[in-house]
Amino acid sequence: MNALIVAALLLVLLGVSYQSGWSRSRNLVTADGVKVHSRPQYHGSYVAIWAMLPALAILALWAWFGGDLTHSYTVSQIPQDILLGLDQTGLNGTITRIDALASGYGVTGEIQPFEQSAGDALRSFQMLTFVGVLLVAAVAGGAALIYARSRVTARLRARNAVERVINIALLACSAVAILTTVGIVASLVTEAYKFFTFINPLDFFFGTVWNPNNAGTAGNWGSYGLLPLLTGTLMITVIAMLVAVPVGLMAAIYLSQYAHPRLRAVAKPMIEILAGIPTIVFGFFALVTVGPFLRDLGNLVGLSINATSALTAGVVMGIMIIPFVSSLSDDILNQVPRTLRDGAYGLGATKSETIRNVLLPAALPGIVGAFLLAVSRAIGETMIVVLAAGNSPVLRGNPFEPVATITVSIVNQLTGDTDFAGPQSLVGFALGLTLFVITLCLNVVALYIVRRFREQYE
């Protein structure tokens, strides 16, 4: 409820300030002989930015410091004799009960008189502080609105100021994305370094046995060989790409070059429906339908295929990522200039020759990007391989047998009560860092391929 009130206040302040600046600018335009530097919408945005900044700053300060202030006030409402007899756990429990009483949710057990009085006082305190912060934010925003409106003149460079603020906002958004990536990598590297203080990196990267001892003690941590997991991950990814890339690319070529517009309008959304199906559904589909089908098919031709195997997981994963390849490739093929195709037809090339020699080379960078996205999606998939791959961390090259993957092992090691003090849980960060490096290498290879083929095409 409080969030809705705050949002309503900000929306009202934003609308009023924008309209005030816009109307002020319109009045300047109507004056005879007056040339205004910026359009009215820039003046409205200029006033709105000025009005929003102090209001948002006050609300941000309260969001940052309000919790500590409320906590201190709650502690002050507990009688001193009772407060001295509480340890940290008991104090936290008492504060939680008082917060529950203040919010009106109630608590279990008998309510002490001091708890009820403290809850009532806290409710009043929260109401007063909330109203006070809203009033201060509204007054600050209104004062900034009046000041900014008084600055709106014919020669005010409002457009420059607004665009400068927009550039700063865009830079901040880019910084958030970059810093988030840096933070993720830093956390992975830090926790992986802790893991390697327990396990030799050579034993991890080149070990052929994966058998963690989750109940182990110092010196008996078990075996953490990466090769069985890496082999299973790459095997399933290769099978998935062998399914998704030909089917997806051929479907994209057909839809963009051969299909009738009516058929395309129906077929493309139906293919893209696959992208919206939850992966757990694909996992059950693999476990219940595809796995038994492949097992029975293998029996017919004399092959021993397990129902849960790398083949089952790879085939279903390939079906799942067909829309990524098909939809992206279709959009990229449609963006190739029509003049290139018309020029090939004018030289006597057939449609298939035009597709092979003109269309695909021109769209190659985007198609490689679609393939890369599909590979990344396959490498990071979890639910399908949990249900369909068999979770057998044994080094083997037979796709008809159960395997384990890196993502499944991360889930297994981080499931349950983990304290992140031993290699049993820290290995999840080492595995995550390995996946990150693999994805980074894929990006580098894709950029190299794109640049090489683009130079040949040009």
Protein backbone atom coordinates (compact mmCIF):
# COMPACT_ATOMS: atom_id res chain seq x y z
CA MET A 1 0.00 0.00 0.00
CA ASN A 2 2.82 2.41 0.89
CA ALA A 3 4.54 1.67 -2.40
CA LEU A 4 1.36 2.54 -4.31
CA ILE A 5 1.05 5.84 -2.46
CA VAL A 6 4.67 6.72 -3.20
CA ALA A 7 4.22 5.79 -6.87
CA ALA A 8 1.05 7.88 -7.07
CA LEU A 9 2.84 10.87 -5.54
CA LEU A 10 5.70 10.62 -8.01
CA LEU A 11 3.34 10.24 -10.98
CA VAL A 12 1.30 13.27 -9.91
CA LEU A 13 4.46 15.31 -9.39
CA LEU A 14 5.81 14.18 -12.75
CA GLY A 15 2.61 15.05 -14.61
CA VAL A 16 2.11 18.43 -12.93
CA SER A 17 5.72 19.50 -13.44
CA TYR A 18 5.81 18.44 -17.08
CA GLN A 19 2.53 20.20 -17.84
CA SER A 20 3.72 23.32 -16.03
CA GLY A 21 6.94 23.54 -18.04
CA TRP A 22 5.14 22.73 -21.29
CA SER A 23 2.47 25.39 -20.77
CA ARG A 24 5.10 27.97 -19.81
CA SER A 25 6.98 27.25 -23.03
CA ARG A 26 3.79 27.46 -25.09
CA ASN A 27 3.08 30.88 -23.64
CA LEU A 28 6.52 32.01 -24.73
CA VAL A 29 5.94 30.73 -28.26
CA THR A 30 2.70 32.63 -28.65
CA ALA A 31 4.41 35.93 -27.95
CA ASP A 32 5.10 37.91 -31.12
CA GLY A 33 8.68 37.89 -32.35
CA VAL A 34 9.97 35.50 -29.67
CA LYS A 35 12.25 32.69 -30.86
CA VAL A 36 12.48 29.82 -28.41
CA HIS A 37 15.64 27.73 -28.35
CA SER A 38 13.95 24.41 -27.39
CA ARG A 39 10.60 22.84 -28.11
CA PRO A 40 7.87 22.82 -25.42
CA GLN A 41 8.35 19.12 -24.65
CA TYR A 42 11.97 19.80 -23.71
CA HIS A 43 10.92 22.55 -21.33
CA GLY A 44 8.35 20.22 -19.80
CA SER A 45 10.95 17.49 -19.40
CA TYR A 46 13.39 20.02 -17.95
CA VAL A 47 10.95 21.08 -15.23
CA ALA A 48 9.92 17.46 -14.57
CA ILE A 49 13.55 16.40 -14.05
CA TRP A 50 14.15 19.26 -11.65
CA ALA A 51 11.01 18.37 -9.68
CA MET A 52 11.69 14.64 -9.53
CA LEU A 53 15.33 14.73 -8.45
CA PRO A 54 14.88 16.13 -4.91
CA ALA A 55 11.79 14.01 -4.28
CA LEU A 56 13.59 10.85 -5.37
CA ALA A 57 16.65 11.82 -3.32
CA ILE A 58 14.58 12.19 -0.15
CA LEU A 59 12.78 8.90 -0.72
CA ALA A 60 16.11 7.16 -1.43
CA LEU A 61 17.62 8.52 1.77
CA TRP A 62 14.66 7.27 3.76
CA ALA A 63 14.86 3.87 2.10
CA TRP A 64 18.55 3.73 3.00
CA PHE A 65 18.41 4.97 6.60
CA GLY A 66 14.77 4.42 7.53
CA GLY A 67 15.24 0.76 8.46
CA ASP A 68 17.97 1.53 10.98
CA LEU A 69 15.93 4.37 12.47
CA THR A 70 12.87 2.14 12.83
CA HIS A 71 15.00 -0.62 14.37
CA SER A 72 16.45 1.80 16.93
CA TYR A 73 13.00 3.08 17.80
CA THR A 74 11.68 -0.47 18.24
CA VAL A 75 14.53 -1.35 20.58
CA SER A 76 13.88 1.81 22.59
CA GLN A 77 10.30 0.65 23.23
CA ILE A 78 11.45 -2.54 24.98
CA PRO A 79 11.74 -2.06 28.76
CA GLN A 80 15.30 -1.86 29.98
CA ASP A 81 15.02 -4.76 32.41
CA ILE A 82 13.70 -7.04 29.69
CA LEU A 83 16.25 -5.79 27.16
CA LEU A 84 19.17 -6.64 29.46
CA GLY A 85 17.96 -10.23 29.78
CA LEU A 86 17.83 -10.88 26.02
CA ASP A 87 20.62 -12.26 23.91
CA GLN A 88 20.91 -11.41 20.19
CA THR A 89 18.60 -14.25 19.13
CA GLY A 90 15.99 -13.33 21.72
CA LEU A 91 16.22 -9.65 20.77
CA ASN A 92 15.67 -10.47 17.10
CA GLY A 93 12.67 -12.62 17.97
CA THR A 94 11.16 -9.89 20.14
CA ILE A 95 11.64 -7.27 17.42
CA THR A 96 10.00 -9.62 14.92
CA ARG A 97 6.97 -10.04 17.19
CA ILE A 98 6.68 -6.28 17.70
CA ASP A 99 6.89 -5.71 13.94
CA ALA A 100 4.15 -8.30 13.40
CA LEU A 101 1.91 -6.63 15.96
CA ALA A 102 2.54 -3.24 14.39
CA SER A 103 1.66 -4.54 10.94
CA GLY A 104 -1.55 -6.16 12.23
CA TYR A 105 -0.64 -9.73 11.29
CA GLY A 106 -0.59 -10.94 14.89
CA VAL A 107 1.75 -13.40 16.59
CA THR A 108 1.57 -16.87 18.06
CA GLY A 109 1.57 -17.46 21.79
CA GLU A 110 0.74 -15.08 24.61
CA ILE A 111 1.29 -11.39 23.91
CA GLN A 112 3.21 -9.60 26.63
CA PRO A 113 1.91 -6.17 27.66
CA PHE A 114 5.13 -4.46 26.63
CA GLU A 115 4.93 -6.13 23.21
CA GLN A 116 1.44 -4.77 22.59
CA SER A 117 2.37 -1.26 23.71
CA ALA A 118 5.56 -1.36 21.66
CA GLY A 119 3.61 -2.56 18.62
CA ASP A 120 1.09 0.27 18.96
CA ALA A 121 3.88 2.82 19.36
CA LEU A 122 5.73 1.43 16.38
CA ARG A 123 2.58 1.58 14.24
CA SER A 124 2.13 5.25 15.11
CA PHE A 125 5.81 5.93 14.51
CA GLN A 126 5.73 4.28 11.09
CA MET A 127 2.63 6.22 10.09
CA LEU A 128 4.04 9.57 11.20
CA THR A 129 7.41 9.02 9.56
CA PHE A 130 5.81 7.84 6.34
CA VAL A 131 3.52 10.85 6.14
CA GLY A 132 6.40 13.14 7.10
CA VAL A 133 8.70 11.76 4.41
CA LEU A 134 5.93 12.09 1.81
CA LEU A 135 5.28 15.70 2.82
CA VAL A 136 8.96 16.57 2.73
CA ALA A 137 9.36 14.91 -0.67
CA ALA A 138 6.27 16.70 -2.01
CA VAL A 139 7.41 20.07 -0.67
CA ALA A 140 10.92 19.62 -2.04
CA GLY A 141 9.54 18.56 -5.41
CA GLY A 142 7.12 21.48 -5.47
CA ALA A 143 9.84 23.97 -4.58
CA ALA A 144 12.07 22.56 -7.31
CA LEU A 145 9.14 22.77 -9.75
CA ILE A 146 8.61 26.45 -9.01
CA TYR A 147 12.32 27.19 -9.32
CA ALA A 148 12.68 25.28 -12.59
CA ARG A 149 9.57 26.90 -14.05
CA SER A 150 10.94 30.35 -13.28
CA ARG A 151 14.07 29.46 -15.28
CA VAL A 152 12.09 28.64 -18.42
CA THR A 153 12.88 31.48 -20.82
CA ALA A 154 13.08 31.79 -24.57
CA ARG A 155 16.87 31.26 -24.61
CA LEU A 156 17.00 28.46 -22.04
CA ARG A 157 18.84 25.52 -23.57
CA ALA A 158 16.43 22.98 -22.14
CA ARG A 159 17.08 20.47 -24.89
CA ASN A 160 20.80 20.34 -24.08
CA ALA A 161 20.12 19.90 -20.38
CA VAL A 162 17.54 17.15 -20.92
CA GLU A 163 19.76 15.27 -23.36
CA ARG A 164 22.65 15.56 -20.90
CA VAL A 165 20.53 13.95 -18.20
CA ILE A 166 19.43 11.23 -20.61
CA ASN A 167 23.07 10.52 -21.51
CA ILE A 168 23.94 10.24 -17.83
CA ALA A 169 21.00 7.88 -17.27
CA LEU A 170 22.04 5.71 -20.22
CA LEU A 171 25.61 5.69 -18.96
CA ALA A 172 24.39 4.64 -15.52
CA CYS A 173 22.38 1.79 -17.02
CA SER A 174 25.40 0.64 -18.99
CA ALA A 175 27.51 0.87 -15.85
CA VAL A 176 24.98 -1.24 -13.95
CA ALA A 177 25.19 -3.96 -16.59
CA ILE A 178 28.99 -3.85 -16.66
CA LEU A 179 29.35 -3.74 -12.88
CA THR A 180 26.89 -6.62 -12.51
CA THR A 181 29.04 -8.71 -14.84
CA VAL A 182 32.18 -7.69 -12.98
CA GLY A 183 30.53 -8.52 -9.65
CA ILE A 184 29.43 -11.96 -10.86
CA VAL A 185 32.89 -12.75 -12.20
CA ALA A 186 34.55 -11.45 -9.04
CA SER A 187 32.32 -13.57 -6.82
CA LEU A 188 32.97 -16.65 -8.95
CA VAL A 189 36.72 -16.09 -8.93
CA THR A 190 36.81 -15.42 -5.18
CA GLU A 191 34.80 -18.48 -4.21
CA ALA A 192 36.57 -20.65 -6.77
CA TYR A 193 39.90 -19.59 -5.28
CA LYS A 194 38.66 -20.79 -1.88
CA PHE A 195 37.74 -24.10 -3.48
CA PHE A 196 41.21 -24.49 -4.96
CA THR A 197 42.71 -24.10 -1.50
CA PHE A 198 41.09 -27.46 -0.71
CA ILE A 199 41.45 -29.21 -4.09
CA ASN A 200 44.46 -29.11 -6.41
CA PRO A 201 43.49 -27.32 -9.67
CA LEU A 202 45.22 -30.06 -11.70
CA ASP A 203 43.09 -32.69 -10.00
CA PHE A 204 39.99 -30.64 -10.75
CA PHE A 205 40.58 -29.78 -14.41
CA PHE A 206 42.20 -33.05 -15.44
CA GLY A 207 40.61 -35.49 -13.02
CA THR A 208 38.55 -38.33 -14.46
CA VAL A 209 36.59 -39.26 -11.33
CA TRP A 210 33.71 -37.22 -9.90
CA ASN A 211 32.81 -38.51 -6.44
CA PRO A 212 32.45 -35.70 -3.89
CA ASN A 213 32.32 -36.75 -0.26
CA ASN A 214 29.60 -34.47 1.06
CA ALA A 215 30.20 -35.69 4.60
CA GLY A 216 33.96 -35.60 4.30
CA THR A 217 36.43 -34.06 6.68
CA ALA A 218 39.80 -32.44 6.16
CA GLY A 219 41.90 -34.64 3.93
CA ASN A 220 38.91 -36.76 2.85
CA TRP A 221 36.96 -34.45 0.58
CA GLY A 222 36.43 -36.98 -2.20
CA SER A 223 37.23 -36.69 -5.91
CA TYR A 224 36.35 -33.59 -7.97
CA GLY A 225 37.39 -34.46 -11.52
CA LEU A 226 35.84 -32.12 -14.09
CA LEU A 227 36.33 -34.23 -17.23
CA PRO A 228 33.26 -36.51 -16.77
CA LEU A 229 31.00 -33.48 -16.34
CA LEU A 230 32.62 -31.53 -19.17
CA THR A 231 32.37 -34.51 -21.51
CA GLY A 232 28.68 -34.99 -20.73
CA THR A 233 27.95 -31.27 -21.19
CA LEU A 234 29.72 -31.06 -24.54
CA MET A 235 28.20 -34.32 -25.76
CA ILE A 236 24.64 -33.17 -25.05
CA THR A 237 25.37 -29.73 -26.53
CA VAL A 238 26.73 -31.23 -29.76
CA ILE A 239 23.70 -33.50 -30.12
CA ALA A 240 21.37 -30.59 -29.47
CA MET A 241 23.08 -28.44 -32.08
CA LEU A 242 22.99 -31.27 -34.61
CA VAL A 243 19.22 -31.27 -34.14
CA ALA A 244 18.54 -27.54 -33.80
CA VAL A 245 20.89 -25.95 -36.34
CA PRO A 246 19.84 -27.82 -39.52
CA VAL A 247 16.15 -27.83 -38.64
CA GLY A 248 16.09 -24.23 -37.43
CA LEU A 249 18.13 -22.83 -40.32
CA MET A 250 16.19 -24.72 -42.98
CA ALA A 251 12.91 -23.65 -41.40
CA ALA A 252 14.11 -20.03 -41.44
CA ILE A 253 15.12 -20.28 -45.11
CA TYR A 254 11.79 -21.80 -46.05
CA LEU A 255 9.74 -19.26 -44.11
CA SER A 256 11.67 -16.26 -45.44
CA GLN A 257 12.12 -17.35 -49.07
CA TYR A 258 9.61 -20.01 -50.08
CA ALA A 259 6.57 -19.94 -47.78
CA HIS A 260 3.37 -18.15 -48.75
CA PRO A 261 2.63 -15.16 -46.49
CA ARG A 262 -0.45 -16.90 -45.08
CA LEU A 263 1.54 -20.01 -44.22
CA ARG A 264 4.32 -17.91 -42.72
CA ALA A 265 1.84 -16.01 -40.55
CA VAL A 266 0.72 -19.32 -39.04
CA ALA A 267 3.91 -21.38 -39.04
CA LYS A 268 6.29 -18.89 -37.43
CA PRO A 269 4.16 -18.28 -34.28
CA MET A 270 3.63 -22.03 -33.93
CA ILE A 271 7.40 -22.62 -34.02
CA GLU A 272 7.98 -19.84 -31.52
CA ILE A 273 5.51 -21.45 -29.11
CA LEU A 274 8.28 -23.95 -28.35
CA ALA A 275 10.32 -21.13 -26.80
CA GLY A 276 7.53 -20.42 -24.30
CA ILE A 277 7.16 -23.97 -23.00
CA PRO A 278 8.79 -24.37 -19.56
CA THR A 279 11.92 -26.49 -19.60
CA ILE A 280 10.50 -28.78 -16.92
CA VAL A 281 7.81 -29.77 -19.44
CA PHE A 282 10.51 -30.65 -21.96
CA GLY A 283 12.19 -32.68 -19.23
CA PHE A 284 9.05 -34.72 -18.56
CA PHE A 285 8.53 -35.08 -22.31
CA ALA A 286 12.04 -36.49 -22.63
CA LEU A 287 11.63 -38.79 -19.64
CA VAL A 288 8.17 -40.15 -20.50
CA THR A 289 8.04 -40.05 -24.31
CA VAL A 290 11.34 -39.53 -26.10
CA GLY A 291 13.48 -41.71 -23.85
CA PRO A 292 11.28 -44.84 -24.10
CA PHE A 293 10.83 -44.21 -27.85
CA LEU A 294 14.59 -44.10 -28.45
CA ARG A 295 15.08 -47.18 -26.28
CA ASP A 296 12.49 -49.16 -28.24
CA LEU A 297 13.88 -47.88 -31.53
CA GLY A 298 17.33 -49.02 -30.50
CA ASN A 299 16.02 -52.47 -29.65
CA LEU A 300 14.57 -52.74 -33.15
CA VAL A 301 17.92 -52.04 -34.82
CA GLY A 302 20.03 -53.93 -32.29
CA LEU A 303 21.37 -50.97 -30.29
CA SER A 304 21.34 -50.65 -26.52
CA ILE A 305 19.98 -47.15 -25.83
CA ASN A 306 19.07 -46.16 -22.28
CA ALA A 307 15.86 -44.22 -21.76
CA THR A 308 17.87 -41.65 -19.81
CA SER A 309 20.96 -40.88 -21.84
CA ALA A 310 22.89 -38.10 -23.52
CA LEU A 311 21.03 -38.82 -26.75
CA THR A 312 17.63 -38.34 -25.11
CA ALA A 313 18.64 -35.09 -23.43
CA GLY A 314 20.37 -33.78 -26.55
CA VAL A 315 17.46 -34.51 -28.90
CA VAL A 316 14.89 -32.86 -26.63
CA MET A 317 17.19 -29.92 -25.94
CA GLY A 318 17.66 -29.49 -29.69
CA ILE A 319 13.90 -29.40 -30.13
CA MET A 320 13.68 -26.78 -27.40
CA ILE A 321 16.22 -24.40 -28.98
CA ILE A 322 14.90 -24.72 -32.55
CA PRO A 323 12.89 -21.46 -32.13
CA PHE A 324 16.03 -19.55 -31.11
CA VAL A 325 17.80 -20.56 -34.33
CA SER A 326 14.74 -20.37 -36.58
CA SER A 327 13.25 -17.08 -35.42
CA LEU A 328 16.53 -15.17 -35.22
CA SER A 329 17.79 -16.54 -38.53
CA ASP A 330 14.48 -15.70 -40.21
CA ASP A 331 14.60 -12.11 -38.99
CA ILE A 332 18.21 -11.78 -40.10
CA LEU A 333 17.53 -13.20 -43.56
CA ASN A 334 14.64 -10.79 -44.03
CA GLN A 335 16.94 -7.87 -43.23
CA VAL A 336 19.24 -8.61 -46.18
CA PRO A 337 18.66 -5.84 -48.76
CA ARG A 338 16.32 -6.81 -51.55
CA THR A 339 18.71 -5.33 -54.10
CA LEU A 340 21.25 -8.10 -53.43
CA ARG A 341 18.74 -10.79 -54.33
CA ASP A 342 17.44 -8.87 -57.32
CA GLY A 343 21.00 -8.43 -58.61
CA ALA A 344 21.64 -12.19 -58.33
CA TYR A 345 18.40 -12.93 -60.18
CA GLY A 346 19.36 -10.42 -62.84
CA LEU A 347 22.61 -12.29 -63.43
CA GLY A 348 20.68 -15.50 -64.02
CA ALA A 349 21.11 -17.18 -60.62
CA THR A 350 18.40 -19.53 -59.41
CA LYS A 351 16.70 -19.10 -56.05
CA SER A 352 18.80 -21.82 -54.43
CA GLU A 353 22.02 -20.34 -55.84
CA THR A 354 21.00 -16.91 -54.60
CA ILE A 355 20.39 -18.29 -51.12
CA ARG A 356 23.71 -20.13 -50.99
CA ASN A 357 25.94 -17.51 -52.60
CA VAL A 358 24.30 -14.19 -51.70
CA LEU A 359 21.75 -14.45 -48.91
CA LEU A 360 23.59 -16.68 -46.45
CA PRO A 361 26.99 -14.91 -46.77
CA ALA A 362 25.31 -11.54 -46.26
CA ALA A 363 23.43 -12.77 -43.19
CA LEU A 364 26.30 -14.85 -41.81
CA PRO A 365 27.20 -12.59 -38.85
CA GLY A 366 23.66 -12.65 -37.54
CA ILE A 367 23.25 -16.36 -38.17
CA VAL A 368 26.46 -17.09 -36.25
CA GLY A 369 25.08 -14.99 -33.41
CA ALA A 370 21.90 -17.07 -33.44
CA PHE A 371 23.96 -20.27 -33.33
CA LEU A 372 26.00 -18.88 -30.44
CA LEU A 373 22.85 -18.06 -28.53
CA ALA A 374 21.61 -21.59 -29.11
CA VAL A 375 24.92 -23.08 -27.90
CA SER A 376 24.87 -20.93 -24.77
CA ARG A 377 21.29 -21.96 -24.12
CA ALA A 378 22.20 -25.62 -24.51
CA ILE A 379 25.27 -25.44 -22.28
CA GLY A 380 23.37 -23.71 -19.48
CA GLU A 381 20.24 -25.90 -19.57
CA THR A 382 19.49 -27.71 -16.31
CA MET A 383 15.99 -29.20 -16.01
CA ILE A 384 16.09 -31.31 -19.16
CA VAL A 385 19.41 -32.91 -18.27
CA VAL A 386 18.30 -33.44 -14.67
CA LEU A 387 15.41 -35.61 -15.83
CA ALA A 388 16.68 -37.07 -19.12
CA ALA A 389 20.47 -37.41 -18.96
CA GLY A 390 20.65 -39.94 -16.12
CA ASN A 391 23.02 -37.99 -13.82
CA SER A 392 25.84 -40.52 -14.08
CA PRO A 393 29.18 -38.69 -13.60
CA VAL A 394 31.28 -41.31 -15.37
CA LEU A 395 33.74 -40.51 -18.14
CA ARG A 396 32.37 -42.16 -21.27
CA GLY A 397 31.99 -41.37 -24.96
CA ASN A 398 28.86 -43.37 -25.70
CA PRO A 399 25.85 -41.03 -26.19
CA PHE A 400 23.48 -43.97 -25.59
CA GLU A 401 24.42 -44.17 -21.90
CA PRO A 402 23.62 -41.88 -18.95
CA VAL A 403 25.91 -38.90 -18.36
CA ALA A 404 26.14 -35.94 -15.98
CA THR A 405 26.59 -32.26 -16.82
CA ILE A 406 28.14 -29.28 -15.13
CA THR A 407 24.81 -27.57 -14.44
CA VAL A 408 23.30 -30.66 -12.83
CA SER A 409 26.35 -31.04 -10.61
CA ILE A 410 26.05 -27.40 -9.52
CA VAL A 411 22.45 -28.04 -8.51
CA ASN A 412 23.38 -31.21 -6.64
CA GLN A 413 26.23 -29.59 -4.73
CA LEU A 414 24.29 -26.46 -3.78
CA THR A 415 21.07 -28.23 -2.80
CA GLY A 416 20.36 -28.57 0.89
CA ASP A 417 21.98 -26.97 3.92
CA THR A 418 25.28 -25.55 2.67
CA ASP A 419 27.64 -23.40 4.69
CA PHE A 420 30.12 -22.60 1.89
CA ALA A 421 32.98 -23.54 4.18
CA GLY A 422 34.15 -26.67 2.39
CA PRO A 423 34.77 -27.87 -1.15
CA GLN A 424 31.41 -29.68 -1.23
CA SER A 425 29.61 -26.36 -1.81
CA LEU A 426 32.45 -24.19 -3.11
CA VAL A 427 32.84 -26.51 -6.09
CA GLY A 428 29.65 -24.99 -7.49
CA PHE A 429 31.48 -21.70 -8.03
CA ALA A 430 34.41 -23.46 -9.70
CA LEU A 431 31.98 -25.19 -12.06
CA GLY A 432 30.19 -21.88 -12.72
CA LEU A 433 33.49 -20.20 -13.52
CA THR A 434 34.27 -23.03 -15.95
CA LEU A 435 30.95 -22.46 -17.75
CA PHE A 436 31.69 -18.75 -17.91
CA VAL A 437 35.09 -19.36 -19.51
CA ILE A 438 33.58 -21.79 -22.02
CA THR A 439 30.94 -19.21 -23.03
CA LEU A 440 33.61 -16.51 -23.30
CA CYS A 441 35.68 -18.72 -25.59
CA LEU A 442 32.61 -19.34 -27.75
CA ASN A 443 32.13 -15.59 -28.10
CA VAL A 444 35.75 -15.08 -29.11
CA VAL A 445 35.58 -17.86 -31.71
CA ALA A 446 32.29 -16.52 -33.08
CA LEU A 447 33.73 -13.01 -33.44
CA TYR A 448 36.74 -14.40 -35.28
CA ILE A 449 34.55 -16.39 -37.68
CA VAL A 450 32.25 -13.43 -38.34
CA ARG A 451 35.12 -11.06 -39.07
CA ARG A 452 36.84 -13.54 -41.36
CA PHE A 453 33.77 -14.26 -43.47
CA ARG A 454 32.75 -10.62 -43.50
CA GLU A 455 36.13 -9.63 -44.94
CA GLN A 456 35.76 -12.26 -47.66
CA TYR A 457 32.27 -11.06 -48.49
CA GLU A 458 33.33 -7.43 -48.72
